[in-house]
C-alpha atoms as a PDB file:
ATOM      1  CA  MET A   1       0.000   0.000   0.000  1.00  0.00           C
ATOM      2  CA  VAL A   2       1.275   3.471  -0.951  1.00  0.00           C
ATOM      3  CA  THR A   3       0.250   6.616   0.928  1.00  0.00           C
ATOM      4  CA  ARG A   4      -0.709   9.812  -0.851  1.00  0.00           C
ATOM      5  CA  ASP A   5       2.414  11.555   0.495  1.00  0.00           C
ATOM      6  CA  GLU A   6       4.665   8.781  -0.843  1.00  0.00           C
ATOM      7  CA  ALA A   7       2.957   9.028  -4.231  1.00  0.00           C
ATOM      8  CA  ARG A   8       3.356  12.822  -4.281  1.00  0.00           C
ATOM      9  CA  THR A   9       7.078  12.524  -3.641  1.00  0.00           C
ATOM     10  CA  ALA A  10       7.423   9.900  -6.387  1.00  0.00           C
ATOM     11  CA  LYS A  11       5.348  12.081  -8.751  1.00  0.00           C
ATOM     12  CA  SER A  12       7.891  14.855  -8.482  1.00  0.00           C
ATOM     13  CA  ALA A  13      10.709  12.465  -9.390  1.00  0.00           C
ATOM     14  CA  LEU A  14       8.700  10.981 -12.267  1.00  0.00           C
ATOM     15  CA  ARG A  15       7.848  14.416 -13.709  1.00  0.00           C
ATOM     16  CA  HIS A  16      11.543  15.256 -13.712  1.00  0.00           C
ATOM     17  CA  THR A  17      12.359  11.945 -15.437  1.00  0.00           C
ATOM     18  CA  LEU A  18       9.705  12.418 -18.136  1.00  0.00           C
ATOM     19  CA  GLU A  19       9.971  16.177 -18.730  1.00  0.00           C
ATOM     20  CA  HIS A  20      11.724  15.742 -22.115  1.00  0.00           C
ATOM     21  CA  VAL A  21       9.927  12.595 -23.283  1.00  0.00           C
ATOM     22  CA  ASP A  22       7.837  13.166 -26.406  1.00  0.00           C
ATOM     23  CA  GLY A  23       4.228  12.075 -26.144  1.00  0.00           C
ATOM     24  CA  VAL A  24       3.741  12.509 -22.390  1.00  0.00           C
ATOM     25  CA  CYS A  25       0.624  14.633 -21.767  1.00  0.00           C
ATOM     26  CA  GLY A  26       0.409  14.549 -17.985  1.00  0.00           C
ATOM     27  CA  VAL A  27       1.508  12.977 -14.724  1.00  0.00           C
ATOM     28  CA  GLY A  28      -0.836  12.622 -11.773  1.00  0.00           C
ATOM     29  CA  LEU A  29      -2.010  10.533  -8.849  1.00  0.00           C
ATOM     30  CA  THR A  30      -4.908   8.103  -8.749  1.00  0.00           C
ATOM     31  CA  GLN A  31      -6.289   5.696  -6.186  1.00  0.00           C
ATOM     32  CA  ARG A  32      -5.980   1.956  -6.513  1.00  0.00           C
ATOM     33  CA  GLY A  33      -8.313  -0.219  -4.543  1.00  0.00           C
ATOM     34  CA  ASP A  34      -9.220   1.572  -1.329  1.00  0.00           C
ATOM     35  CA  ASP A  35      -8.906   5.206  -0.267  1.00  0.00           C
ATOM     36  CA  HIS A  36      -5.438   4.669   1.205  1.00  0.00           C
ATOM     37  CA  ASP A  37      -3.628   3.106  -1.758  1.00  0.00           C
ATOM     38  CA  TRP A  38      -2.212   5.446  -4.413  1.00  0.00           C
ATOM     39  CA  VAL A  39      -0.404   4.999  -7.736  1.00  0.00           C
ATOM     40  CA  LEU A  40       1.024   7.357 -10.335  1.00  0.00           C
ATOM     41  CA  GLN A  41      -0.759   7.817 -13.649  1.00  0.00           C
ATOM     42  CA  VAL A  42       0.954   8.955 -16.830  1.00  0.00           C
ATOM     43  CA  ASN A  43      -1.147  10.036 -19.801  1.00  0.00           C
ATOM     44  CA  VAL A  44       0.528   9.569 -23.174  1.00  0.00           C
ATOM     45  CA  GLN A  45      -0.456  10.422 -26.728  1.00  0.00           C
ATOM     46  CA  SER A  46       0.379   7.040 -28.269  1.00  0.00           C
ATOM     47  CA  VAL A  47       1.323   3.487 -27.419  1.00  0.00           C
ATOM     48  CA  SER A  48       4.899   4.134 -28.570  1.00  0.00           C
ATOM     49  CA  ALA A  49       5.363   6.758 -25.820  1.00  0.00           C
ATOM     50  CA  ARG A  50       4.798   4.043 -23.178  1.00  0.00           C
ATOM     51  CA  LYS A  51       8.277   2.602 -23.701  1.00  0.00           C
ATOM     52  CA  ASP A  52       9.933   5.512 -21.874  1.00  0.00           C
ATOM     53  CA  VAL A  53       7.705   5.320 -18.772  1.00  0.00           C
ATOM     54  CA  PRO A  54       9.135   3.260 -15.896  1.00  0.00           C
ATOM     55  CA  PRO A  55       6.875   0.626 -14.268  1.00  0.00           C
ATOM     56  CA  ASP A  56       7.446   2.147 -10.828  1.00  0.00           C
ATOM     57  CA  VAL A  57       9.198   5.043  -9.103  1.00  0.00           C
ATOM     58  CA  ASP A  58      10.593   4.635  -5.588  1.00  0.00           C
ATOM     59  CA  GLY A  59       8.279   1.677  -5.016  1.00  0.00           C
ATOM     60  CA  VAL A  60       5.167   3.482  -6.295  1.00  0.00           C
ATOM     61  CA  PRO A  61       3.512   1.683  -9.239  1.00  0.00           C
ATOM     62  CA  VAL A  62       2.951   3.633 -12.467  1.00  0.00           C
ATOM     63  CA  ARG A  63      -0.134   3.227 -14.666  1.00  0.00           C
ATOM     64  CA  VAL A  64       0.016   4.426 -18.261  1.00  0.00           C
ATOM     65  CA  HIS A  65      -3.091   5.552 -20.136  1.00  0.00           C
ATOM     66  CA  VAL A  66      -3.068   6.253 -23.865  1.00  0.00           C
ATOM     67  CA  VAL A  67      -5.291   9.318 -24.263  1.00  0.00           C
ATOM     68  CA  GLY A  68      -4.383  10.525 -27.745  1.00  0.00           C
ATOM     69  CA  ALA A  69      -3.585  14.101 -28.666  1.00  0.00           C
ATOM     70  CA  VAL A  70      -4.554  16.708 -26.090  1.00  0.00           C
ATOM     71  CA  GLU A  71      -5.632  20.154 -27.293  1.00  0.00           C
ATOM     72  CA  ALA A  72      -6.719  23.273 -25.467  1.00  0.00           C
ATOM     73  CA  LEU A  73     -10.364  24.220 -25.849  1.00  0.00           C
END
């Protein structure tokens, strides 16, 4: 089980790791299971962008969602 504070710390490290990776649209936190278990979520534009996302950061699992191109409204 990962606390929200642990996930926040890992999110910062993951954002730094992915800041120059093409196709990454966003990095955030999401719950897994109950209210006290958190994971990182990375939104990417295409399946090919997944290859540069690590499976975990500092013991915090990472989920990758392919969301396509993101445009401002």
